[in-house]
Amino acid sequence: MAADSTRPRTPFDDADADIIVRSSDDVHFYLYKVILAKASPVFKDMFSFPTKSEPPSSPPVVPVTENGDTLECLLRICYPVSRSTIADLDQFVAVAEAARKYQMSEVQPYLEQDLQVLVNGGKDPLRIYAIAHLYHFRSALDASVRSLLNRPNYLHAASMPPEFTSLSAAALYALINHRRKCVDVAIAQVDDLDWMVHGDHDKKMCFWPTGKPILGKSWAWISCREQPALACTQVAGGTELSMEIWIIMYLDDAKRAVQDCPTGQSVTRPSVLAEALNSASSCTRCAKTAWKDLVEYSRLLAARIDDALVKVQLDPLPS
């Protein structure tokens, strides 16, 4: 939005306005004191002071340090007029700083919504983490942390986010520690063989009246007995079972994947499934159902990982 010198911007151009706010780039906003006073204690106090006399036909002019674009974004939140979501992080920070300066607390929920839109739209989550912390936008902070889980090199920014000059070491440590906890939680789900065998899913192990497991109704890597030399013994929930070695290959690859990106989606990627499926294809029995079973298992495991990650909270941050 290019600013025209002294020319008022629609819709802030009412002829009966009783105050003019002039931006740093000389854009005039014709406003009403009562609205500004309700929105900002700073303006309310300002209006209580005597002002120098102006020509009878001209409202008093209040110069401010914000530019026209920043003021317009801020005023569109305060006024009953249409507005667009702030789509640029630099612009967002300028508006958030102005809202803090003028103590416009009622503006905060609208700014937080905009920041949520930015992080959900793929904007720089590392920078948004810093912004959300510095301006106390908790839901956007959590959203940025979740978004960063999808990035293997989450701290490798092309350039340092400007807000990092004000971000505390404690805030950065909290982010790193949250990532570590998420990796540990995700790996624990991958390692949970008890859930694999006895969990609440269609392949849950059934038993004969004698207590012997019914292997044929379980996963392909458990039910197969074609190549005992390529199997290994595992214990799940107190049950000792022989499993095909290719499922161990998948679990190892899944753990490496969540170490890079601790999210459920990581364990469903074709690259994580590929080596295990290639190995399973050498067995005539496994080859028939391995793809179907492993894809289904990875999908269930992904949901389980994501459910567990929701419970991982960011450490309390200093104000």
Protein backbone atom coordinates (compact mmCIF):
# COMPACT_ATOMS: atom_id res chain seq x y z
CA MET A 1 0.00 0.00 0.00
CA ALA A 2 1.71 3.20 -1.16
CA ALA A 3 1.03 6.28 0.96
CA ASP A 4 -0.20 9.55 -0.58
CA SER A 5 1.14 12.59 1.31
CA THR A 6 -1.47 14.09 3.66
CA ARG A 7 -4.31 12.49 1.71
CA PRO A 8 -6.65 10.54 4.02
CA ARG A 9 -7.14 6.85 3.37
CA THR A 10 -10.55 5.32 2.92
CA PRO A 11 -12.33 4.44 5.17
CA PHE A 12 -10.51 6.76 7.58
CA ASP A 13 -11.55 9.94 5.83
CA ASP A 14 -14.73 11.03 7.63
CA ALA A 15 -15.38 14.76 7.30
CA ASP A 16 -16.76 14.99 10.84
CA ALA A 17 -13.73 13.33 12.47
CA ASP A 18 -12.50 15.08 15.61
CA ILE A 19 -8.86 13.94 15.51
CA ILE A 20 -6.24 13.42 12.79
CA VAL A 21 -3.48 10.89 13.33
CA ARG A 22 -0.52 11.53 11.05
CA SER A 23 1.79 8.63 10.23
CA SER A 24 5.56 8.83 9.90
CA ASP A 25 5.20 8.82 6.11
CA ASP A 26 2.69 11.70 6.29
CA VAL A 27 -0.55 9.80 5.76
CA HIS A 28 -3.49 11.39 7.58
CA PHE A 29 -6.15 9.30 9.30
CA TYR A 30 -9.35 11.17 10.15
CA LEU A 31 -10.60 9.44 13.28
CA TYR A 32 -12.90 9.71 16.27
CA LYS A 33 -11.47 10.28 19.73
CA VAL A 34 -14.11 8.13 21.39
CA ILE A 35 -13.09 5.04 19.38
CA LEU A 36 -9.38 5.57 19.91
CA ALA A 37 -9.91 6.20 23.63
CA LYS A 38 -11.89 2.97 23.96
CA ALA A 39 -9.24 1.00 22.07
CA SER A 40 -6.16 2.49 23.73
CA PRO A 41 -5.50 3.80 27.26
CA VAL A 42 -2.54 5.67 25.79
CA PHE A 43 -4.74 7.67 23.44
CA LYS A 44 -7.30 8.15 26.20
CA ASP A 45 -4.67 9.73 28.43
CA MET A 46 -3.36 11.76 25.52
CA PHE A 47 -6.78 13.26 24.85
CA SER A 48 -7.09 14.33 28.47
CA PHE A 49 -4.19 16.76 28.06
CA PRO A 50 -4.74 20.27 26.72
CA THR A 51 -3.78 20.65 23.06
CA LYS A 52 -2.53 23.64 21.20
CA SER A 53 -5.21 25.61 19.42
CA GLU A 54 -6.00 24.63 15.83
CA PRO A 55 -7.99 26.50 13.20
CA PRO A 56 -11.70 26.17 14.09
CA SER A 57 -12.43 24.02 11.04
CA SER A 58 -9.50 21.63 11.56
CA PRO A 59 -9.29 18.78 14.10
CA PRO A 60 -6.06 18.50 16.11
CA VAL A 61 -3.25 16.52 14.49
CA VAL A 62 -1.40 13.82 16.44
CA PRO A 63 1.88 12.70 14.84
CA VAL A 64 2.97 9.09 15.49
CA THR A 65 6.06 7.08 14.61
CA GLU A 66 4.27 4.22 12.78
CA ASN A 67 3.97 4.31 8.99
CA GLY A 68 0.67 4.43 7.15
CA ASP A 69 0.47 0.71 6.38
CA THR A 70 1.02 -0.25 10.01
CA LEU A 71 -1.56 2.25 11.25
CA GLU A 72 -4.13 1.14 8.72
CA CYS A 73 -3.76 -2.53 9.72
CA LEU A 74 -4.10 -1.59 13.38
CA LEU A 75 -7.05 0.73 12.90
CA ARG A 76 -8.95 -1.76 10.76
CA ILE A 77 -8.96 -4.07 13.78
CA CYS A 78 -10.21 -1.32 16.09
CA TYR A 79 -12.85 0.10 13.75
CA PRO A 80 -16.03 -1.64 12.51
CA VAL A 81 -14.69 -1.95 8.97
CA SER A 82 -13.51 -4.84 6.79
CA ARG A 83 -9.93 -6.01 7.03
CA SER A 84 -7.63 -8.58 5.49
CA THR A 85 -5.42 -11.01 7.34
CA ILE A 86 -1.89 -9.70 7.75
CA ALA A 87 0.08 -11.80 5.27
CA ASP A 88 3.64 -10.63 5.93
CA LEU A 89 5.70 -11.26 9.05
CA ASP A 90 7.49 -7.90 8.97
CA GLN A 91 4.14 -6.15 8.75
CA PHE A 92 2.76 -8.33 11.51
CA VAL A 93 5.60 -7.45 13.88
CA ALA A 94 5.14 -3.74 13.15
CA VAL A 95 1.42 -3.96 13.97
CA ALA A 96 2.00 -6.10 17.07
CA GLU A 97 4.60 -3.61 18.32
CA ALA A 98 2.21 -0.70 17.74
CA ALA A 99 -0.56 -2.55 19.59
CA ARG A 100 1.81 -3.10 22.51
CA LYS A 101 2.93 0.53 22.48
CA TYR A 102 -0.64 1.84 22.57
CA GLN A 103 -1.73 -0.90 25.04
CA MET A 104 -4.47 -2.17 22.74
CA SER A 105 -5.16 -5.43 24.56
CA GLU A 106 -8.42 -6.09 22.69
CA VAL A 107 -6.45 -6.28 19.45
CA GLN A 108 -4.41 -9.29 20.64
CA PRO A 109 -6.93 -12.06 19.76
CA TYR A 110 -7.19 -10.78 16.18
CA LEU A 111 -3.42 -10.62 15.82
CA GLU A 112 -3.09 -14.12 17.22
CA GLN A 113 -5.57 -15.39 14.62
CA ASP A 114 -3.48 -13.79 11.89
CA LEU A 115 -0.30 -15.36 13.24
CA GLN A 116 -2.01 -18.74 13.32
CA VAL A 117 -2.94 -18.31 9.66
CA LEU A 118 0.67 -17.44 8.84
CA VAL A 119 2.13 -20.53 10.54
CA ASN A 120 -0.56 -22.80 9.08
CA GLY A 121 0.20 -21.35 5.66
CA GLY A 122 3.84 -22.43 5.88
CA LYS A 123 5.45 -19.14 6.86
CA ASP A 124 8.76 -19.38 8.71
CA PRO A 125 7.81 -21.31 11.90
CA LEU A 126 11.15 -20.62 13.60
CA ARG A 127 10.65 -16.87 13.31
CA ILE A 128 6.99 -17.21 14.29
CA TYR A 129 8.11 -19.09 17.41
CA ALA A 130 10.21 -16.09 18.41
CA ILE A 131 7.45 -13.61 17.57
CA ALA A 132 4.81 -15.60 19.43
CA HIS A 133 7.01 -15.80 22.50
CA LEU A 134 7.94 -12.13 22.54
CA TYR A 135 4.35 -10.94 22.04
CA HIS A 136 2.70 -13.64 24.19
CA PHE A 137 0.64 -15.44 21.54
CA ARG A 138 0.41 -18.87 23.17
CA SER A 139 -1.70 -20.74 20.61
CA ALA A 140 0.50 -19.49 17.75
CA LEU A 141 3.56 -20.48 19.80
CA ASP A 142 2.26 -24.05 20.10
CA ALA A 143 1.35 -24.12 16.40
CA SER A 144 4.86 -23.01 15.41
CA VAL A 145 6.41 -25.70 17.62
CA ARG A 146 4.24 -28.37 15.98
CA SER A 147 5.12 -27.06 12.53
CA LEU A 148 8.84 -27.24 13.32
CA LEU A 149 8.51 -30.97 14.07
CA ASN A 150 8.07 -31.50 10.32
CA ARG A 151 11.46 -29.96 9.58
CA PRO A 152 14.56 -32.14 10.01
CA ASN A 153 16.97 -29.18 10.26
CA TYR A 154 14.59 -27.01 12.19
CA LEU A 155 17.27 -24.65 13.56
CA HIS A 156 19.10 -24.26 10.24
CA ALA A 157 17.62 -20.95 9.13
CA ALA A 158 19.04 -19.27 6.01
CA SER A 159 19.44 -16.16 8.14
CA MET A 160 18.83 -15.41 11.80
CA PRO A 161 15.24 -14.32 12.49
CA PRO A 162 15.37 -10.64 13.54
CA GLU A 163 13.51 -11.38 16.77
CA PHE A 164 16.30 -13.72 17.93
CA THR A 165 18.24 -10.67 19.14
CA SER A 166 15.53 -10.33 21.82
CA LEU A 167 14.79 -14.03 22.39
CA SER A 168 16.12 -15.44 25.65
CA ALA A 169 18.37 -18.49 25.83
CA ALA A 170 15.69 -20.10 28.01
CA ALA A 171 13.12 -19.75 25.23
CA LEU A 172 15.47 -21.34 22.70
CA TYR A 173 16.32 -24.14 25.13
CA ALA A 174 12.61 -24.82 25.66
CA LEU A 175 12.21 -25.34 21.91
CA ILE A 176 15.21 -27.69 21.72
CA ASN A 177 14.08 -29.62 24.79
CA HIS A 178 10.54 -29.99 23.44
CA ARG A 179 11.96 -31.47 20.25
CA ARG A 180 14.05 -33.95 22.25
CA LYS A 181 11.01 -35.03 24.28
CA CYS A 182 8.98 -35.49 21.09
CA VAL A 183 11.69 -37.69 19.59
CA ASP A 184 11.75 -39.84 22.75
CA VAL A 185 7.95 -40.17 22.76
CA ALA A 186 7.83 -41.09 19.06
CA ILE A 187 10.56 -43.72 19.42
CA ALA A 188 8.72 -45.22 22.40
CA GLN A 189 5.65 -45.75 20.21
CA VAL A 190 7.72 -47.42 17.49
CA ASP A 191 9.31 -49.72 20.06
CA ASP A 192 5.98 -50.75 21.62
CA LEU A 193 5.72 -54.36 20.47
CA ASP A 194 3.05 -55.01 23.09
CA TRP A 195 0.73 -52.63 21.21
CA MET A 196 1.74 -54.21 17.89
CA VAL A 197 0.61 -57.63 19.08
CA HIS A 198 -2.06 -56.93 21.69
CA GLY A 199 -3.25 -53.41 20.82
CA ASP A 200 -6.79 -52.35 19.95
CA HIS A 201 -6.68 -53.05 16.20
CA ASP A 202 -7.92 -55.69 13.75
CA LYS A 203 -4.70 -57.69 13.99
CA LYS A 204 -4.84 -58.04 17.75
CA MET A 205 -3.53 -61.44 18.79
CA CYS A 206 -6.18 -64.06 19.50
CA PHE A 207 -5.59 -67.22 21.52
CA TRP A 208 -6.83 -70.80 21.45
CA PRO A 209 -8.57 -72.09 24.59
CA THR A 210 -5.26 -73.72 25.44
CA GLY A 211 -3.62 -70.31 25.58
CA LYS A 212 -1.62 -70.83 22.41
CA PRO A 213 -1.63 -67.77 20.06
CA ILE A 214 -3.55 -67.99 16.78
CA LEU A 215 -0.79 -66.72 14.50
CA GLY A 216 -2.72 -66.83 11.23
CA LYS A 217 -4.93 -63.88 12.19
CA SER A 218 -2.07 -61.57 13.11
CA TRP A 219 0.24 -59.40 10.99
CA ALA A 220 2.04 -60.93 8.01
CA TRP A 221 5.42 -60.76 9.75
CA ILE A 222 4.03 -62.78 12.67
CA SER A 223 1.85 -65.29 10.84
CA CYS A 224 4.52 -66.30 8.29
CA ARG A 225 6.50 -69.49 8.95
CA GLU A 226 7.97 -69.98 5.47
CA GLN A 227 11.53 -68.90 6.27
CA PRO A 228 12.34 -69.53 9.94
CA ALA A 229 15.99 -68.74 9.28
CA LEU A 230 14.99 -65.17 8.43
CA ALA A 231 12.95 -64.67 11.59
CA CYS A 232 13.85 -63.47 15.06
CA THR A 233 12.30 -63.96 18.48
CA GLN A 234 10.63 -61.02 20.20
CA VAL A 235 8.67 -60.71 23.44
CA ALA A 236 5.44 -58.73 23.38
CA GLY A 237 3.26 -58.43 26.46
CA GLY A 238 4.72 -61.58 27.95
CA THR A 239 4.19 -63.54 24.71
CA GLU A 240 7.30 -64.89 22.99
CA LEU A 241 6.83 -64.70 19.22
CA SER A 242 8.84 -65.30 16.08
CA MET A 243 8.76 -62.32 13.70
CA GLU A 244 10.11 -61.92 10.20
CA ILE A 245 13.32 -59.90 10.15
CA TRP A 246 11.89 -57.41 7.66
CA ILE A 247 9.56 -55.92 10.27
CA ILE A 248 12.61 -55.18 12.43
CA MET A 249 14.12 -53.43 9.41
CA TYR A 250 11.01 -51.28 9.17
CA LEU A 251 11.06 -50.45 12.88
CA ASP A 252 14.72 -49.43 12.67
CA ASP A 253 14.01 -47.20 9.68
CA ALA A 254 10.95 -45.75 11.42
CA LYS A 255 13.04 -44.82 14.47
CA ARG A 256 15.60 -43.08 12.29
CA ALA A 257 12.78 -41.21 10.56
CA VAL A 258 11.26 -39.89 13.78
CA GLN A 259 14.68 -38.85 15.02
CA ASP A 260 14.80 -36.51 12.02
CA CYS A 261 11.12 -35.50 12.09
CA PRO A 262 9.20 -36.64 15.16
CA THR A 263 5.75 -36.84 13.56
CA GLY A 264 3.39 -39.66 12.68
CA GLN A 265 3.72 -38.91 8.99
CA SER A 266 7.41 -39.80 9.11
CA VAL A 267 6.74 -43.53 9.64
CA THR A 268 4.39 -43.76 6.64
CA ARG A 269 6.76 -42.38 4.02
CA PRO A 270 7.54 -44.74 1.11
CA SER A 271 11.26 -44.37 1.75
CA VAL A 272 10.76 -45.74 5.27
CA LEU A 273 8.67 -48.69 4.04
CA ALA A 274 10.79 -49.52 0.99
CA GLU A 275 13.63 -51.63 2.42
CA ALA A 276 11.32 -53.78 4.54
CA LEU A 277 8.93 -54.39 1.66
CA ASN A 278 11.79 -55.24 -0.66
CA SER A 279 13.02 -57.84 1.84
CA ALA A 280 9.49 -59.22 2.35
CA SER A 281 9.09 -59.74 -1.39
CA SER A 282 11.63 -62.58 -1.27
CA CYS A 283 9.20 -64.68 0.78
CA THR A 284 6.37 -66.23 -1.22
CA ARG A 285 3.92 -65.98 1.67
CA CYS A 286 4.91 -62.53 2.98
CA ALA A 287 4.89 -61.07 -0.53
CA LYS A 288 1.13 -61.61 -0.77
CA THR A 289 0.15 -59.49 2.23
CA ALA A 290 3.27 -57.61 3.36
CA TRP A 291 2.46 -54.39 1.50
CA LYS A 292 -1.14 -54.27 2.76
CA ASP A 293 -0.24 -55.10 6.35
CA LEU A 294 2.79 -52.83 6.61
CA VAL A 295 0.96 -49.83 5.11
CA GLU A 296 -1.92 -50.41 7.53
CA TYR A 297 0.45 -50.83 10.46
CA SER A 298 2.37 -47.67 9.58
CA ARG A 299 -0.91 -45.75 9.37
CA LEU A 300 -2.01 -46.98 12.80
CA LEU A 301 1.44 -46.28 14.23
CA ALA A 302 1.39 -42.75 12.78
CA ALA A 303 -1.92 -42.01 14.51
CA ARG A 304 -0.57 -43.41 17.76
CA ILE A 305 2.56 -41.25 17.52
CA ASP A 306 0.53 -38.11 16.82
CA ASP A 307 -1.80 -38.83 19.73
CA ALA A 308 1.20 -39.19 22.04
CA LEU A 309 2.86 -36.02 20.74
CA VAL A 310 -0.20 -33.92 21.57
CA LYS A 311 0.53 -34.61 25.25
CA VAL A 312 4.09 -33.25 25.02
CA GLN A 313 4.00 -29.71 26.33
CA LEU A 314 6.47 -26.91 25.84
CA ASP A 315 8.27 -26.08 29.08
CA PRO A 316 6.98 -22.93 30.81
CA LEU A 317 8.73 -19.90 29.35
CA PRO A 318 9.94 -16.83 31.22
CA SER A 319 7.93 -13.68 30.56
